[in-house]
Structures are given as structure tokens and as C-alpha cells.
Amino acid sequence: MREFNELQSMEAIEHFITANKLAFLYISQPNCSVCHGLLPQVQTLMEQFPQIQLGHIDAHEVEAVAGRFSIFTVPVLLLFVEGKEFIREARIVHMDLLEEKLKKVYHHMAE
């Protein structure tokens, strides 16, 4: 399973997005059972996409993240390509659909 970088400030989050061509954010909260159940599945899925950089944000710790990314629930999964949001999944994530979306973006970027 791939590990996520813990991002603990808005400055770190913005830098992570701009510094990486493919940046994936997993936004969760400590008291969210869906978040805790989904994270290992996402970590396993991301093994297929080694060039995507992984960042985790605790929305309880970095409260400004909700306003910055218009988040109303957790978990939220965001993929940024060259600083632009390409994929957004929230709350109930269908892993097979997420995998399809990631493959399309990933293989297009690899060309």
C-alpha cells in the first residue's frame, strides 16, 4: 500500500498541488468511519499509479480546506493535473469508477 504525505497547512497543500504534475488529495476527519474504511482501498488502488503524488488532509486540523475546495462532507478525493482539478469524488466512492477515471487521466498524461 502506498503511503500519503500528511499536509497540515494551507501553504503545504497549495505547494503540494503546484509542485506536482499529478497531485491527489484525500480529505478526511478523525471521527469519520467511511474515511477510515476507504483509505486502505485508495492506498491499494494508487499502487497502479506511481507517478501520482499522494497527500492526506485532516479537515478537522486544517479547517480552511473546506472553504478552499468547497467541501461539505468527507471523505473527499481530489486529483489535480498541473494545478487544475480533474477528478472529485465525495462521501460514497465507487472504487471501480474511480479507477476508470484515474486510468483515463493517467494514461493521457503519460503519452
N, C-alpha and C. Protein backbone atom coordinates (compact mmCIF):
# COMPACT_ATOMS: atom_id res chain seq x y z
N MET A 1 0.84 -1.20 0.00
CA MET A 1 0.00 0.00 0.00
C MET A 1 0.87 1.25 0.00
N ARG A 2 0.47 2.22 -0.78
CA ARG A 2 1.21 3.48 -0.82
C ARG A 2 0.80 4.37 0.35
N GLU A 3 1.76 5.09 0.86
CA GLU A 3 1.51 5.99 1.98
C GLU A 3 1.23 7.41 1.47
N PHE A 4 0.44 8.13 2.23
CA PHE A 4 0.09 9.51 1.91
C PHE A 4 0.98 10.46 2.70
N ASN A 5 1.35 11.59 2.08
CA ASN A 5 2.04 12.67 2.78
C ASN A 5 1.01 13.42 3.60
N GLU A 6 1.30 13.65 4.86
CA GLU A 6 0.39 14.43 5.70
C GLU A 6 0.61 15.92 5.43
N LEU A 7 -0.45 16.60 5.01
CA LEU A 7 -0.39 18.04 4.72
C LEU A 7 -1.14 18.76 5.83
N GLN A 8 -0.43 19.62 6.58
CA GLN A 8 -1.01 20.16 7.80
C GLN A 8 -1.22 21.67 7.79
N SER A 9 -1.13 22.27 6.60
CA SER A 9 -1.43 23.71 6.50
C SER A 9 -1.88 24.00 5.07
N MET A 10 -2.55 25.12 4.90
CA MET A 10 -2.99 25.51 3.56
C MET A 10 -1.77 25.79 2.67
N GLU A 11 -0.70 26.34 3.25
CA GLU A 11 0.51 26.60 2.48
C GLU A 11 1.09 25.29 1.95
N ALA A 12 1.14 24.28 2.80
CA ALA A 12 1.66 22.97 2.39
C ALA A 12 0.78 22.35 1.30
N ILE A 13 -0.52 22.51 1.43
CA ILE A 13 -1.47 21.96 0.45
C ILE A 13 -1.28 22.64 -0.91
N GLU A 14 -1.22 23.97 -0.91
CA GLU A 14 -1.06 24.72 -2.16
C GLU A 14 0.27 24.37 -2.83
N HIS A 15 1.32 24.25 -2.02
CA HIS A 15 2.64 23.88 -2.56
C HIS A 15 2.60 22.49 -3.16
N PHE A 16 1.95 21.56 -2.48
CA PHE A 16 1.84 20.17 -2.95
C PHE A 16 1.16 20.12 -4.32
N ILE A 17 0.08 20.89 -4.46
CA ILE A 17 -0.67 20.90 -5.73
C ILE A 17 0.16 21.49 -6.86
N THR A 18 0.84 22.60 -6.59
CA THR A 18 1.59 23.28 -7.65
C THR A 18 2.92 22.58 -7.96
N ALA A 19 3.51 21.91 -6.98
CA ALA A 19 4.82 21.28 -7.17
C ALA A 19 4.75 19.93 -7.89
N ASN A 20 3.56 19.33 -7.92
CA ASN A 20 3.42 18.00 -8.51
C ASN A 20 2.49 18.04 -9.72
N LYS A 21 2.95 17.46 -10.83
CA LYS A 21 2.15 17.40 -12.06
C LYS A 21 0.83 16.68 -11.80
N LEU A 22 0.90 15.57 -11.07
CA LEU A 22 -0.28 14.78 -10.69
C LEU A 22 -0.34 14.74 -9.17
N ALA A 23 -1.30 15.46 -8.59
CA ALA A 23 -1.42 15.55 -7.13
C ALA A 23 -2.80 15.06 -6.70
N PHE A 24 -2.82 14.10 -5.80
CA PHE A 24 -4.06 13.51 -5.32
C PHE A 24 -4.22 13.84 -3.84
N LEU A 25 -5.37 14.41 -3.48
CA LEU A 25 -5.65 14.75 -2.09
C LEU A 25 -6.77 13.88 -1.55
N TYR A 26 -6.54 13.36 -0.35
CA TYR A 26 -7.56 12.58 0.37
C TYR A 26 -7.89 13.39 1.61
N ILE A 27 -9.10 13.93 1.66
CA ILE A 27 -9.51 14.80 2.75
C ILE A 27 -10.49 14.05 3.63
N SER A 28 -10.17 13.97 4.92
CA SER A 28 -10.99 13.19 5.84
C SER A 28 -11.05 13.87 7.20
N GLN A 29 -11.77 13.24 8.13
CA GLN A 29 -11.83 13.69 9.51
C GLN A 29 -11.65 12.47 10.41
N PRO A 30 -11.11 12.68 11.61
CA PRO A 30 -10.82 11.55 12.51
C PRO A 30 -12.05 10.74 12.91
N ASN A 31 -13.21 11.38 13.04
CA ASN A 31 -14.41 10.68 13.52
C ASN A 31 -15.27 10.11 12.39
N CYS A 32 -14.71 9.95 11.19
CA CYS A 32 -15.46 9.51 10.01
C CYS A 32 -15.14 8.05 9.70
N SER A 33 -16.11 7.17 9.95
CA SER A 33 -15.88 5.74 9.71
C SER A 33 -15.72 5.43 8.23
N VAL A 34 -16.46 6.15 7.37
CA VAL A 34 -16.32 5.94 5.92
C VAL A 34 -14.90 6.30 5.49
N CYS A 35 -14.36 7.39 6.03
CA CYS A 35 -13.00 7.82 5.70
C CYS A 35 -11.98 6.74 6.03
N HIS A 36 -12.11 6.18 7.24
CA HIS A 36 -11.15 5.17 7.69
C HIS A 36 -11.28 3.88 6.90
N GLY A 37 -12.48 3.52 6.48
CA GLY A 37 -12.68 2.31 5.70
C GLY A 37 -12.22 2.44 4.26
N LEU A 38 -12.33 3.64 3.70
CA LEU A 38 -11.99 3.87 2.31
C LEU A 38 -10.48 4.05 2.09
N LEU A 39 -9.80 4.62 3.05
CA LEU A 39 -8.38 4.94 2.88
C LEU A 39 -7.52 3.75 2.43
N PRO A 40 -7.61 2.58 3.08
CA PRO A 40 -6.77 1.46 2.62
C PRO A 40 -7.10 1.01 1.19
N GLN A 41 -8.35 1.13 0.79
CA GLN A 41 -8.73 0.79 -0.58
C GLN A 41 -8.08 1.75 -1.58
N VAL A 42 -8.06 3.03 -1.22
CA VAL A 42 -7.45 4.04 -2.09
C VAL A 42 -5.93 3.82 -2.14
N GLN A 43 -5.32 3.52 -1.00
CA GLN A 43 -3.88 3.26 -0.97
C GLN A 43 -3.52 2.10 -1.88
N THR A 44 -4.30 1.05 -1.86
CA THR A 44 -4.05 -0.11 -2.71
C THR A 44 -4.25 0.25 -4.18
N LEU A 45 -5.32 0.97 -4.50
CA LEU A 45 -5.59 1.39 -5.87
C LEU A 45 -4.44 2.23 -6.42
N MET A 46 -3.89 3.11 -5.60
CA MET A 46 -2.86 4.04 -6.06
C MET A 46 -1.54 3.35 -6.40
N GLU A 47 -1.39 2.09 -6.05
CA GLU A 47 -0.19 1.35 -6.45
C GLU A 47 -0.09 1.25 -7.97
N GLN A 48 -1.23 1.34 -8.66
CA GLN A 48 -1.26 1.30 -10.12
C GLN A 48 -0.77 2.60 -10.76
N PHE A 49 -0.69 3.66 -9.95
CA PHE A 49 -0.40 4.99 -10.48
C PHE A 49 0.78 5.62 -9.72
N PRO A 50 1.98 5.08 -9.93
CA PRO A 50 3.12 5.54 -9.13
C PRO A 50 3.51 7.00 -9.34
N GLN A 51 3.15 7.60 -10.47
CA GLN A 51 3.52 8.99 -10.71
C GLN A 51 2.58 9.99 -10.04
N ILE A 52 1.46 9.52 -9.51
CA ILE A 52 0.54 10.40 -8.80
C ILE A 52 1.05 10.55 -7.36
N GLN A 53 1.27 11.80 -6.95
CA GLN A 53 1.72 12.08 -5.59
C GLN A 53 0.50 12.14 -4.67
N LEU A 54 0.64 11.57 -3.48
CA LEU A 54 -0.50 11.41 -2.57
C LEU A 54 -0.38 12.31 -1.35
N GLY A 55 -1.44 13.05 -1.08
CA GLY A 55 -1.49 13.91 0.09
C GLY A 55 -2.75 13.65 0.90
N HIS A 56 -2.62 13.64 2.21
CA HIS A 56 -3.77 13.45 3.11
C HIS A 56 -3.94 14.70 3.95
N ILE A 57 -5.19 15.12 4.09
CA ILE A 57 -5.52 16.30 4.88
C ILE A 57 -6.59 15.94 5.89
N ASP A 58 -6.34 16.26 7.15
CA ASP A 58 -7.33 16.13 8.21
C ASP A 58 -8.11 17.44 8.23
N ALA A 59 -9.36 17.41 7.77
CA ALA A 59 -10.16 18.62 7.66
C ALA A 59 -10.47 19.23 9.02
N HIS A 60 -10.37 18.44 10.06
CA HIS A 60 -10.57 18.96 11.42
C HIS A 60 -9.35 19.80 11.83
N GLU A 61 -8.19 19.39 11.38
CA GLU A 61 -6.94 20.08 11.71
C GLU A 61 -6.72 21.31 10.83
N VAL A 62 -7.03 21.19 9.53
CA VAL A 62 -6.85 22.29 8.58
C VAL A 62 -8.25 22.73 8.14
N GLU A 63 -8.91 23.51 8.97
CA GLU A 63 -10.30 23.87 8.75
C GLU A 63 -10.52 24.67 7.47
N ALA A 64 -9.52 25.45 7.06
CA ALA A 64 -9.66 26.29 5.86
C ALA A 64 -9.80 25.47 4.58
N VAL A 65 -9.45 24.19 4.64
CA VAL A 65 -9.54 23.35 3.44
C VAL A 65 -10.99 23.23 2.95
N ALA A 66 -11.95 23.26 3.85
CA ALA A 66 -13.36 23.15 3.47
C ALA A 66 -13.77 24.32 2.56
N GLY A 67 -13.39 25.51 2.92
CA GLY A 67 -13.72 26.68 2.10
C GLY A 67 -12.94 26.72 0.81
N ARG A 68 -11.66 26.37 0.88
CA ARG A 68 -10.79 26.42 -0.31
C ARG A 68 -11.27 25.49 -1.42
N PHE A 69 -11.75 24.30 -1.05
CA PHE A 69 -12.16 23.32 -2.05
C PHE A 69 -13.66 23.05 -2.06
N SER A 70 -14.45 23.92 -1.42
CA SER A 70 -15.91 23.78 -1.36
C SER A 70 -16.33 22.37 -0.93
N ILE A 71 -15.88 22.00 0.25
CA ILE A 71 -16.15 20.66 0.78
C ILE A 71 -17.25 20.75 1.82
N PHE A 72 -18.26 19.89 1.65
CA PHE A 72 -19.40 19.89 2.56
C PHE A 72 -19.53 18.57 3.30
N THR A 73 -18.76 17.57 2.90
CA THR A 73 -18.80 16.26 3.53
C THR A 73 -17.41 15.63 3.38
N VAL A 74 -17.16 14.57 4.10
CA VAL A 74 -15.91 13.81 3.95
C VAL A 74 -16.26 12.34 3.82
N PRO A 75 -15.44 11.54 3.23
CA PRO A 75 -14.17 11.90 2.60
C PRO A 75 -14.37 12.56 1.24
N VAL A 76 -13.36 13.33 0.85
CA VAL A 76 -13.33 13.92 -0.49
C VAL A 76 -11.99 13.54 -1.11
N LEU A 77 -12.05 13.08 -2.35
CA LEU A 77 -10.87 12.69 -3.10
C LEU A 77 -10.75 13.62 -4.29
N LEU A 78 -9.60 14.27 -4.40
CA LEU A 78 -9.38 15.24 -5.48
C LEU A 78 -8.11 14.90 -6.24
N LEU A 79 -8.18 14.91 -7.56
CA LEU A 79 -6.98 14.75 -8.37
C LEU A 79 -6.75 16.04 -9.13
N PHE A 80 -5.53 16.58 -8.99
CA PHE A 80 -5.15 17.78 -9.70
C PHE A 80 -4.11 17.41 -10.75
N VAL A 81 -4.30 17.93 -11.96
CA VAL A 81 -3.35 17.75 -13.05
C VAL A 81 -2.81 19.12 -13.39
N GLU A 82 -1.52 19.29 -13.18
CA GLU A 82 -0.85 20.58 -13.41
C GLU A 82 -1.61 21.72 -12.73
N GLY A 83 -2.05 21.48 -11.50
CA GLY A 83 -2.69 22.51 -10.69
C GLY A 83 -4.18 22.67 -10.89
N LYS A 84 -4.77 21.95 -11.84
CA LYS A 84 -6.21 22.06 -12.11
C LYS A 84 -6.93 20.81 -11.63
N GLU A 85 -8.08 21.02 -10.99
CA GLU A 85 -8.86 19.89 -10.50
C GLU A 85 -9.46 19.12 -11.68
N PHE A 86 -9.20 17.82 -11.72
CA PHE A 86 -9.71 16.97 -12.80
C PHE A 86 -10.74 15.97 -12.30
N ILE A 87 -10.55 15.45 -11.10
CA ILE A 87 -11.45 14.44 -10.55
C ILE A 87 -11.84 14.86 -9.15
N ARG A 88 -13.14 14.70 -8.84
CA ARG A 88 -13.65 14.95 -7.49
C ARG A 88 -14.63 13.84 -7.16
N GLU A 89 -14.37 13.16 -6.06
CA GLU A 89 -15.28 12.14 -5.54
C GLU A 89 -15.52 12.48 -4.07
N ALA A 90 -16.75 12.27 -3.61
CA ALA A 90 -17.06 12.60 -2.22
C ALA A 90 -18.00 11.56 -1.61
N ARG A 91 -17.84 11.38 -0.32
CA ARG A 91 -18.66 10.53 0.56
C ARG A 91 -18.69 9.06 0.13
N ILE A 92 -19.57 8.70 -0.78
CA ILE A 92 -19.66 7.32 -1.25
C ILE A 92 -18.89 7.23 -2.56
N VAL A 93 -17.76 6.54 -2.53
CA VAL A 93 -16.88 6.46 -3.68
C VAL A 93 -16.94 5.05 -4.25
N HIS A 94 -17.29 4.95 -5.52
CA HIS A 94 -17.30 3.67 -6.21
C HIS A 94 -15.90 3.44 -6.76
N MET A 95 -15.19 2.50 -6.16
CA MET A 95 -13.78 2.31 -6.47
C MET A 95 -13.55 1.95 -7.94
N ASP A 96 -14.43 1.16 -8.54
CA ASP A 96 -14.24 0.78 -9.94
C ASP A 96 -14.38 1.99 -10.87
N LEU A 97 -15.30 2.89 -10.56
CA LEU A 97 -15.47 4.10 -11.38
C LEU A 97 -14.29 5.05 -11.17
N LEU A 98 -13.82 5.15 -9.93
CA LEU A 98 -12.66 5.99 -9.65
C LEU A 98 -11.44 5.46 -10.41
N GLU A 99 -11.28 4.15 -10.40
CA GLU A 99 -10.15 3.54 -11.11
C GLU A 99 -10.20 3.86 -12.60
N GLU A 100 -11.38 3.76 -13.21
CA GLU A 100 -11.54 4.09 -14.64
C GLU A 100 -11.15 5.54 -14.92
N LYS A 101 -11.64 6.45 -14.08
CA LYS A 101 -11.33 7.87 -14.27
C LYS A 101 -9.83 8.13 -14.15
N LEU A 102 -9.22 7.51 -13.13
CA LEU A 102 -7.79 7.70 -12.92
C LEU A 102 -6.99 7.15 -14.10
N LYS A 103 -7.38 6.00 -14.61
CA LYS A 103 -6.67 5.41 -15.75
C LYS A 103 -6.72 6.32 -16.96
N LYS A 104 -7.88 6.92 -17.23
CA LYS A 104 -8.01 7.81 -18.38
C LYS A 104 -7.06 9.00 -18.26
N VAL A 105 -7.06 9.64 -17.12
CA VAL A 105 -6.21 10.81 -16.91
C VAL A 105 -4.74 10.39 -16.91
N TYR A 106 -4.44 9.33 -16.21
CA TYR A 106 -3.05 8.88 -16.03
C TYR A 106 -2.43 8.50 -17.37
N HIS A 107 -3.13 7.73 -18.17
CA HIS A 107 -2.58 7.29 -19.45
C HIS A 107 -2.49 8.44 -20.44
N HIS A 108 -3.41 9.38 -20.36
CA HIS A 108 -3.33 10.57 -21.22
C HIS A 108 -2.10 11.39 -20.87
N MET A 109 -1.82 11.53 -19.57
CA MET A 109 -0.67 12.32 -19.11
C MET A 109 0.64 11.62 -19.43
N ALA A 110 0.63 10.29 -19.51
CA ALA A 110 1.85 9.53 -19.76
C ALA A 110 2.24 9.55 -21.24
N GLU A 111 1.33 9.97 -22.11
CA GLU A 111 1.62 9.99 -23.55
C GLU A 111 2.60 11.09 -23.91
